[in-house]
Amino acid sequence: MSGSPDPDPAAIQAEIERTRDHLGRTIDAIGYRLDVRNKAREPLYRARDTAVETYRESPPVALGAVAVVAAVVGLVIRRRRRRRR
């Protein structure tokens, strides 16, 4: 910095804040990449959010879909029990 006037303290403070913000975002990104448990749960959260949004848009259709899925699961369980006997 030889030959240049002293920098403005406000400019230095602003640069420190920008750097701090950038480092914080970088650390958050690294933490997200290393959080295997949450990354594995992400598809489940998306499916849940999709189901909730579908229900909000048209509740009878969503309830019908849930009933169909429950009926299929019930039939599969029933058939497995019959095969075991």
PDB file of N, CA and C in Angstrom:
ATOM      1  N   MET A   1       0.817  -1.184   0.000  1.00  0.00           N
ATOM      2  CA  MET A   1       0.000   0.000   0.000  1.00  0.00           C
ATOM      3  C   MET A   1       0.865   1.253   0.000  1.00  0.00           C
ATOM      4  N   SER A   2       2.075   1.110  -0.388  1.00  0.00           N
ATOM      5  CA  SER A   2       2.945   2.279  -0.381  1.00  0.00           C
ATOM      6  C   SER A   2       2.513   3.263  -1.453  1.00  0.00           C
ATOM      7  N   GLY A   3       2.553   4.527  -1.110  1.00  0.00           N
ATOM      8  CA  GLY A   3       2.213   5.575  -2.052  1.00  0.00           C
ATOM      9  C   GLY A   3       0.727   5.870  -2.147  1.00  0.00           C
ATOM     10  N   SER A   4      -0.139   5.065  -1.558  1.00  0.00           N
ATOM     11  CA  SER A   4      -1.573   5.333  -1.620  1.00  0.00           C
ATOM     12  C   SER A   4      -2.033   5.876  -0.278  1.00  0.00           C
ATOM     13  N   PRO A   5      -3.044   6.747  -0.309  1.00  0.00           N
ATOM     14  CA  PRO A   5      -3.532   7.314   0.960  1.00  0.00           C
ATOM     15  C   PRO A   5      -4.178   6.230   1.816  1.00  0.00           C
ATOM     16  N   ASP A   6      -4.312   6.516   3.112  1.00  0.00           N
ATOM     17  CA  ASP A   6      -4.952   5.569   4.026  1.00  0.00           C
ATOM     18  C   ASP A   6      -6.386   5.318   3.568  1.00  0.00           C
ATOM     19  N   PRO A   7      -6.789   4.039   3.548  1.00  0.00           N
ATOM     20  CA  PRO A   7      -8.156   3.724   3.132  1.00  0.00           C
ATOM     21  C   PRO A   7      -9.170   4.266   4.141  1.00  0.00           C
ATOM     22  N   ASP A   8     -10.338   4.500   3.653  1.00  0.00           N
ATOM     23  CA  ASP A   8     -11.434   4.997   4.476  1.00  0.00           C
ATOM     24  C   ASP A   8     -11.874   3.905   5.450  1.00  0.00           C
ATOM     25  N   PRO A   9     -11.998   4.201   6.751  1.00  0.00           N
ATOM     26  CA  PRO A   9     -12.428   3.186   7.720  1.00  0.00           C
ATOM     27  C   PRO A   9     -13.788   2.574   7.374  1.00  0.00           C
ATOM     28  N   ALA A  10     -14.674   3.370   6.819  1.00  0.00           N
ATOM     29  CA  ALA A  10     -15.992   2.840   6.438  1.00  0.00           C
ATOM     30  C   ALA A  10     -15.850   1.819   5.309  1.00  0.00           C
ATOM     31  N   ALA A  11     -14.919   2.072   4.379  1.00  0.00           N
ATOM     32  CA  ALA A  11     -14.694   1.138   3.276  1.00  0.00           C
ATOM     33  C   ALA A  11     -14.088  -0.165   3.811  1.00  0.00           C
ATOM     34  N   ILE A  12     -13.176  -0.030   4.748  1.00  0.00           N
ATOM     35  CA  ILE A  12     -12.569  -1.219   5.354  1.00  0.00           C
ATOM     36  C   ILE A  12     -13.638  -2.038   6.073  1.00  0.00           C
ATOM     37  N   GLN A  13     -14.489  -1.372   6.832  1.00  0.00           N
ATOM     38  CA  GLN A  13     -15.565  -2.065   7.558  1.00  0.00           C
ATOM     39  C   GLN A  13     -16.511  -2.764   6.587  1.00  0.00           C
ATOM     40  N   ALA A  14     -16.842  -2.097   5.476  1.00  0.00           N
ATOM     41  CA  ALA A  14     -17.735  -2.698   4.481  1.00  0.00           C
ATOM     42  C   ALA A  14     -17.091  -3.939   3.868  1.00  0.00           C
ATOM     43  N   GLU A  15     -15.793  -3.869   3.589  1.00  0.00           N
ATOM     44  CA  GLU A  15     -15.082  -5.017   3.027  1.00  0.00           C
ATOM     45  C   GLU A  15     -15.047  -6.172   4.028  1.00  0.00           C
ATOM     46  N   ILE A  16     -14.839  -5.865   5.295  1.00  0.00           N
ATOM     47  CA  ILE A  16     -14.848  -6.895   6.338  1.00  0.00           C
ATOM     48  C   ILE A  16     -16.216  -7.576   6.393  1.00  0.00           C
ATOM     49  N   GLU A  17     -17.277  -6.806   6.324  1.00  0.00           N
ATOM     50  CA  GLU A  17     -18.633  -7.367   6.364  1.00  0.00           C
ATOM     51  C   GLU A  17     -18.901  -8.246   5.143  1.00  0.00           C
ATOM     52  N   ARG A  18     -18.458  -7.806   3.958  1.00  0.00           N
ATOM     53  CA  ARG A  18     -18.642  -8.619   2.744  1.00  0.00           C
ATOM     54  C   ARG A  18     -17.878  -9.932   2.874  1.00  0.00           C
ATOM     55  N   THR A  19     -16.661  -9.857   3.358  1.00  0.00           N
ATOM     56  CA  THR A  19     -15.841 -11.056   3.525  1.00  0.00           C
ATOM     57  C   THR A  19     -16.469 -11.996   4.553  1.00  0.00           C
ATOM     58  N   ARG A  20     -16.940 -11.452   5.639  1.00  0.00           N
ATOM     59  CA  ARG A  20     -17.586 -12.245   6.688  1.00  0.00           C
ATOM     60  C   ARG A  20     -18.830 -12.953   6.131  1.00  0.00           C
ATOM     61  N   ASP A  21     -19.627 -12.221   5.361  1.00  0.00           N
ATOM     62  CA  ASP A  21     -20.832 -12.799   4.758  1.00  0.00           C
ATOM     63  C   ASP A  21     -20.461 -13.920   3.797  1.00  0.00           C
ATOM     64  N   HIS A  22     -19.442 -13.690   2.966  1.00  0.00           N
ATOM     65  CA  HIS A  22     -19.001 -14.704   2.008  1.00  0.00           C
ATOM     66  C   HIS A  22     -18.497 -15.959   2.730  1.00  0.00           C
ATOM     67  N   LEU A  23     -17.707 -15.776   3.762  1.00  0.00           N
ATOM     68  CA  LEU A  23     -17.199 -16.925   4.521  1.00  0.00           C
ATOM     69  C   LEU A  23     -18.335 -17.694   5.198  1.00  0.00           C
ATOM     70  N   GLY A  24     -19.315 -16.965   5.710  1.00  0.00           N
ATOM     71  CA  GLY A  24     -20.466 -17.621   6.333  1.00  0.00           C
ATOM     72  C   GLY A  24     -21.225 -18.481   5.347  1.00  0.00           C
ATOM     73  N   ARG A  25     -21.450 -17.970   4.135  1.00  0.00           N
ATOM     74  CA  ARG A  25     -22.149 -18.750   3.111  1.00  0.00           C
ATOM     75  C   ARG A  25     -21.325 -19.956   2.692  1.00  0.00           C
ATOM     76  N   THR A  26     -20.002 -19.778   2.609  1.00  0.00           N
ATOM     77  CA  THR A  26     -19.126 -20.893   2.240  1.00  0.00           C
ATOM     78  C   THR A  26     -19.184 -21.991   3.292  1.00  0.00           C
ATOM     79  N   ILE A  27     -19.136 -21.617   4.554  1.00  0.00           N
ATOM     80  CA  ILE A  27     -19.201 -22.602   5.641  1.00  0.00           C
ATOM     81  C   ILE A  27     -20.551 -23.308   5.641  1.00  0.00           C
ATOM     82  N   ASP A  28     -21.644 -22.576   5.396  1.00  0.00           N
ATOM     83  CA  ASP A  28     -22.967 -23.200   5.317  1.00  0.00           C
ATOM     84  C   ASP A  28     -23.028 -24.212   4.179  1.00  0.00           C
ATOM     85  N   ALA A  29     -22.443 -23.864   3.031  1.00  0.00           N
ATOM     86  CA  ALA A  29     -22.446 -24.775   1.880  1.00  0.00           C
ATOM     87  C   ALA A  29     -21.648 -26.039   2.186  1.00  0.00           C
ATOM     88  N   ILE A  30     -20.513 -25.875   2.825  1.00  0.00           N
ATOM     89  CA  ILE A  30     -19.697 -27.040   3.193  1.00  0.00           C
ATOM     90  C   ILE A  30     -20.449 -27.908   4.197  1.00  0.00           C
ATOM     91  N   GLY A  31     -21.070 -27.289   5.176  1.00  0.00           N
ATOM     92  CA  GLY A  31     -21.844 -28.038   6.163  1.00  0.00           C
ATOM     93  C   GLY A  31     -22.990 -28.800   5.522  1.00  0.00           C
ATOM     94  N   TYR A  32     -23.652 -28.185   4.555  1.00  0.00           N
ATOM     95  CA  TYR A  32     -24.751 -28.856   3.852  1.00  0.00           C
ATOM     96  C   TYR A  32     -24.244 -30.081   3.106  1.00  0.00           C
ATOM     97  N   ARG A  33     -23.116 -29.934   2.438  1.00  0.00           N
ATOM     98  CA  ARG A  33     -22.554 -31.063   1.676  1.00  0.00           C
ATOM     99  C   ARG A  33     -22.129 -32.204   2.582  1.00  0.00           C
ATOM    100  N   LEU A  34     -21.719 -31.898   3.783  1.00  0.00           N
ATOM    101  CA  LEU A  34     -21.243 -32.930   4.702  1.00  0.00           C
ATOM    102  C   LEU A  34     -22.357 -33.554   5.528  1.00  0.00           C
ATOM    103  N   ASP A  35     -23.546 -32.979   5.513  1.00  0.00           N
ATOM    104  CA  ASP A  35     -24.662 -33.475   6.310  1.00  0.00           C
ATOM    105  C   ASP A  35     -25.401 -34.571   5.543  1.00  0.00           C
ATOM    106  N   VAL A  36     -24.894 -35.777   5.641  1.00  0.00           N
ATOM    107  CA  VAL A  36     -25.425 -36.911   4.887  1.00  0.00           C
ATOM    108  C   VAL A  36     -26.850 -37.242   5.319  1.00  0.00           C
ATOM    109  N   ARG A  37     -27.129 -37.179   6.590  1.00  0.00           N
ATOM    110  CA  ARG A  37     -28.462 -37.535   7.095  1.00  0.00           C
ATOM    111  C   ARG A  37     -29.545 -36.647   6.474  1.00  0.00           C
ATOM    112  N   ASN A  38     -29.324 -35.353   6.480  1.00  0.00           N
ATOM    113  CA  ASN A  38     -30.321 -34.452   5.906  1.00  0.00           C
ATOM    114  C   ASN A  38     -30.423 -34.607   4.395  1.00  0.00           C
ATOM    115  N   LYS A  39     -29.297 -34.874   3.729  1.00  0.00           N
ATOM    116  CA  LYS A  39     -29.343 -35.081   2.283  1.00  0.00           C
ATOM    117  C   LYS A  39     -30.146 -36.339   1.960  1.00  0.00           C
ATOM    118  N   ALA A  40     -30.050 -37.359   2.806  1.00  0.00           N
ATOM    119  CA  ALA A  40     -30.813 -38.587   2.577  1.00  0.00           C
ATOM    120  C   ALA A  40     -32.297 -38.362   2.831  1.00  0.00           C
ATOM    121  N   ARG A  41     -32.620 -37.482   3.749  1.00  0.00           N
ATOM    122  CA  ARG A  41     -34.028 -37.209   4.076  1.00  0.00           C
ATOM    123  C   ARG A  41     -34.690 -36.247   3.094  1.00  0.00           C
ATOM    124  N   GLU A  42     -33.893 -35.547   2.310  1.00  0.00           N
ATOM    125  CA  GLU A  42     -34.435 -34.538   1.411  1.00  0.00           C
ATOM    126  C   GLU A  42     -35.526 -35.075   0.474  1.00  0.00           C
ATOM    127  N   PRO A  43     -35.340 -36.245  -0.172  1.00  0.00           N
ATOM    128  CA  PRO A  43     -36.418 -36.753  -1.032  1.00  0.00           C
ATOM    129  C   PRO A  43     -37.709 -37.020  -0.256  1.00  0.00           C
ATOM    130  N   LEU A  44     -37.585 -37.453   0.988  1.00  0.00           N
ATOM    131  CA  LEU A  44     -38.772 -37.683   1.803  1.00  0.00           C
ATOM    132  C   LEU A  44     -39.502 -36.376   2.087  1.00  0.00           C
ATOM    133  N   TYR A  45     -38.736 -35.341   2.380  1.00  0.00           N
ATOM    134  CA  TYR A  45     -39.344 -34.038   2.640  1.00  0.00           C
ATOM    135  C   TYR A  45     -40.039 -33.508   1.390  1.00  0.00           C
ATOM    136  N   ARG A  46     -39.394 -33.707   0.225  1.00  0.00           N
ATOM    137  CA  ARG A  46     -40.001 -33.249  -1.025  1.00  0.00           C
ATOM    138  C   ARG A  46     -41.295 -33.998  -1.300  1.00  0.00           C
ATOM    139  N   ALA A  47     -41.294 -35.319  -1.066  1.00  0.00           N
ATOM    140  CA  ALA A  47     -42.508 -36.114  -1.282  1.00  0.00           C
ATOM    141  C   ALA A  47     -43.614 -35.662  -0.333  1.00  0.00           C
ATOM    142  N   ARG A  48     -43.247 -35.409   0.914  1.00  0.00           N
ATOM    143  CA  ARG A  48     -44.228 -34.938   1.887  1.00  0.00           C
ATOM    144  C   ARG A  48     -44.806 -33.592   1.462  1.00  0.00           C
ATOM    145  N   ASP A  49     -43.930 -32.690   1.040  1.00  0.00           N
ATOM    146  CA  ASP A  49     -44.394 -31.366   0.614  1.00  0.00           C
ATOM    147  C   ASP A  49     -45.301 -31.471  -0.609  1.00  0.00           C
ATOM    148  N   THR A  50     -44.962 -32.361  -1.520  1.00  0.00           N
ATOM    149  CA  THR A  50     -45.794 -32.568  -2.707  1.00  0.00           C
ATOM    150  C   THR A  50     -47.158 -33.096  -2.309  1.00  0.00           C
ATOM    151  N   ALA A  51     -47.189 -34.054  -1.389  1.00  0.00           N
ATOM    152  CA  ALA A  51     -48.462 -34.613  -0.937  1.00  0.00           C
ATOM    153  C   ALA A  51     -49.312 -33.552  -0.250  1.00  0.00           C
ATOM    154  N   VAL A  52     -48.692 -32.745   0.572  1.00  0.00           N
ATOM    155  CA  VAL A  52     -49.426 -31.689   1.267  1.00  0.00           C
ATOM    156  C   VAL A  52     -49.972 -30.681   0.265  1.00  0.00           C
ATOM    157  N   GLU A  53     -49.154 -30.307  -0.714  1.00  0.00           N
ATOM    158  CA  GLU A  53     -49.592 -29.341  -1.720  1.00  0.00           C
ATOM    159  C   GLU A  53     -50.734 -29.922  -2.563  1.00  0.00           C
ATOM    160  N   THR A  54     -50.647 -31.195  -2.905  1.00  0.00           N
ATOM    161  CA  THR A  54     -51.716 -31.845  -3.666  1.00  0.00           C
ATOM    162  C   THR A  54     -53.000 -31.849  -2.859  1.00  0.00           C
ATOM    163  N   TYR A  55     -52.893 -32.138  -1.582  1.00  0.00           N
ATOM    164  CA  TYR A  55     -54.075 -32.147  -0.721  1.00  0.00           C
ATOM    165  C   TYR A  55     -54.703 -30.757  -0.652  1.00  0.00           C
ATOM    166  N   ARG A  56     -53.864 -29.744  -0.529  1.00  0.00           N
ATOM    167  CA  ARG A  56     -54.386 -28.378  -0.434  1.00  0.00           C
ATOM    168  C   ARG A  56     -55.104 -27.959  -1.716  1.00  0.00           C
ATOM    169  N   GLU A  57     -54.594 -28.422  -2.856  1.00  0.00           N
ATOM    170  CA  GLU A  57     -55.189 -28.044  -4.136  1.00  0.00           C
ATOM    171  C   GLU A  57     -56.504 -28.771  -4.393  1.00  0.00           C
ATOM    172  N   SER A  58     -56.568 -30.047  -4.021  1.00  0.00           N
ATOM    173  CA  SER A  58     -57.795 -30.810  -4.256  1.00  0.00           C
ATOM    174  C   SER A  58     -57.891 -31.954  -3.245  1.00  0.00           C
ATOM    175  N   PRO A  59     -58.453 -31.671  -2.070  1.00  0.00           N
ATOM    176  CA  PRO A  59     -58.528 -32.662  -0.991  1.00  0.00           C
ATOM    177  C   PRO A  59     -59.205 -33.975  -1.365  1.00  0.00           C
ATOM    178  N   PRO A  60     -60.325 -33.996  -2.084  1.00  0.00           N
ATOM    179  CA  PRO A  60     -60.953 -35.290  -2.391  1.00  0.00           C
ATOM    180  C   PRO A  60     -60.055 -36.206  -3.221  1.00  0.00           C
ATOM    181  N   VAL A  61     -59.326 -35.642  -4.167  1.00  0.00           N
ATOM    182  CA  VAL A  61     -58.433 -36.451  -4.993  1.00  0.00           C
ATOM    183  C   VAL A  61     -57.313 -37.025  -4.148  1.00  0.00           C
ATOM    184  N   ALA A  62     -56.752 -36.215  -3.273  1.00  0.00           N
ATOM    185  CA  ALA A  62     -55.665 -36.683  -2.411  1.00  0.00           C
ATOM    186  C   ALA A  62     -56.155 -37.774  -1.467  1.00  0.00           C
ATOM    187  N   LEU A  63     -57.330 -37.603  -0.905  1.00  0.00           N
ATOM    188  CA  LEU A  63     -57.870 -38.625  -0.003  1.00  0.00           C
ATOM    189  C   LEU A  63     -58.143 -39.912  -0.761  1.00  0.00           C
ATOM    190  N   GLY A  64     -58.619 -39.794  -1.977  1.00  0.00           N
ATOM    191  CA  GLY A  64     -58.845 -40.979  -2.804  1.00  0.00           C
ATOM    192  C   GLY A  64     -57.544 -41.702  -3.095  1.00  0.00           C
ATOM    193  N   ALA A  65     -56.500 -40.943  -3.387  1.00  0.00           N
ATOM    194  CA  ALA A  65     -55.194 -41.548  -3.655  1.00  0.00           C
ATOM    195  C   ALA A  65     -54.657 -42.257  -2.420  1.00  0.00           C
ATOM    196  N   VAL A  66     -54.835 -41.652  -1.270  1.00  0.00           N
ATOM    197  CA  VAL A  66     -54.394 -42.282  -0.016  1.00  0.00           C
ATOM    198  C   VAL A  66     -55.184 -43.562   0.223  1.00  0.00           C
ATOM    199  N   ALA A  67     -56.459 -43.539  -0.050  1.00  0.00           N
ATOM    200  CA  ALA A  67     -57.290 -44.739   0.138  1.00  0.00           C
ATOM    201  C   ALA A  67     -56.844 -45.851  -0.794  1.00  0.00           C
ATOM    202  N   VAL A  68     -56.533 -45.520  -2.032  1.00  0.00           N
ATOM    203  CA  VAL A  68     -56.072 -46.535  -2.989  1.00  0.00           C
ATOM    204  C   VAL A  68     -54.749 -47.128  -2.534  1.00  0.00           C
ATOM    205  N   VAL A  69     -53.835 -46.294  -2.120  1.00  0.00           N
ATOM    206  CA  VAL A  69     -52.532 -46.787  -1.648  1.00  0.00           C
ATOM    207  C   VAL A  69     -52.722 -47.680  -0.427  1.00  0.00           C
ATOM    208  N   ALA A  70     -53.567 -47.273   0.505  1.00  0.00           N
ATOM    209  CA  ALA A  70     -53.820 -48.086   1.699  1.00  0.00           C
ATOM    210  C   ALA A  70     -54.437 -49.422   1.309  1.00  0.00           C
ATOM    211  N   ALA A  71     -55.337 -49.431   0.353  1.00  0.00           N
ATOM    212  CA  ALA A  71     -55.968 -50.684  -0.080  1.00  0.00           C
ATOM    213  C   ALA A  71     -54.939 -51.615  -0.718  1.00  0.00           C
ATOM    214  N   VAL A  72     -54.059 -51.072  -1.539  1.00  0.00           N
ATOM    215  CA  VAL A  72     -53.024 -51.897  -2.179  1.00  0.00           C
ATOM    216  C   VAL A  72     -52.087 -52.474  -1.132  1.00  0.00           C
ATOM    217  N   VAL A  73     -51.674 -51.655  -0.187  1.00  0.00           N
ATOM    218  CA  VAL A  73     -50.794 -52.143   0.887  1.00  0.00           C
ATOM    219  C   VAL A  73     -51.497 -53.231   1.684  1.00  0.00           C
ATOM    220  N   GLY A  74     -52.771 -53.044   1.976  1.00  0.00           N
ATOM    221  CA  GLY A  74     -53.533 -54.055   2.700  1.00  0.00           C
ATOM    222  C   GLY A  74     -53.610 -55.362   1.937  1.00  0.00           C
ATOM    223  N   LEU A  75     -53.839 -55.295   0.635  1.00  0.00           N
ATOM    224  CA  LEU A  75     -53.892 -56.516  -0.177  1.00  0.00           C
ATOM    225  C   LEU A  75     -52.553 -57.236  -0.207  1.00  0.00           C
ATOM    226  N   VAL A  76     -51.482 -56.478  -0.323  1.00  0.00           N
ATOM    227  CA  VAL A  76     -50.143 -57.087  -0.341  1.00  0.00           C
ATOM    228  C   VAL A  76     -49.875 -57.790   0.979  1.00  0.00           C
ATOM    229  N   ILE A  77     -50.199 -57.153   2.072  1.00  0.00           N
ATOM    230  CA  ILE A  77     -49.989 -57.769   3.395  1.00  0.00           C
ATOM    231  C   ILE A  77     -50.847 -59.021   3.533  1.00  0.00           C
ATOM    232  N   ARG A  78     -52.071 -58.945   3.095  1.00  0.00           N
ATOM    233  CA  ARG A  78     -52.983 -60.094   3.196  1.00  0.00           C
ATOM    234  C   ARG A  78     -52.466 -61.272   2.382  1.00  0.00           C
ATOM    235  N   ARG A  79     -51.997 -61.031   1.176  1.00  0.00           N
ATOM    236  CA  ARG A  79     -51.465 -62.110   0.334  1.00  0.00           C
ATOM    237  C   ARG A  79     -50.211 -62.721   0.941  1.00  0.00           C
ATOM    238  N   ARG A  80     -49.362 -61.912   1.506  1.00  0.00           N
ATOM    239  CA  ARG A  80     -48.146 -62.446   2.134  1.00  0.00           C
ATOM    240  C   ARG A  80     -48.505 -63.346   3.314  1.00  0.00           C
ATOM    241  N   ARG A  81     -49.476 -62.960   4.084  1.00  0.00           N
ATOM    242  CA  ARG A  81     -49.884 -63.773   5.230  1.00  0.00           C
ATOM    243  C   ARG A  81     -50.473 -65.097   4.763  1.00  0.00           C
ATOM    244  N   ARG A  82     -51.246 -65.080   3.699  1.00  0.00           N
ATOM    245  CA  ARG A  82     -51.841 -66.313   3.154  1.00  0.00           C
ATOM    246  C   ARG A  82     -50.766 -67.249   2.641  1.00  0.00           C
ATOM    247  N   ARG A  83     -49.735 -66.722   2.024  1.00  0.00           N
ATOM    248  CA  ARG A  83     -48.645 -67.553   1.491  1.00  0.00           C
ATOM    249  C   ARG A  83     -47.864 -68.235   2.605  1.00  0.00           C
ATOM    250  N   ARG A  84     -47.744 -67.590   3.731  1.00  0.00           N
ATOM    251  CA  ARG A  84     -46.994 -68.150   4.855  1.00  0.00           C
ATOM    252  C   ARG A  84     -47.713 -69.342   5.469  1.00  0.00           C
ATOM    253  N   ARG A  85     -49.015 -69.390   5.339  1.00  0.00           N
ATOM    254  CA  ARG A  85     -49.787 -70.467   5.960  1.00  0.00           C
ATOM    255  C   ARG A  85     -49.738 -71.685   5.160  1.00  0.00           C
TER     256      ARG A  85
END
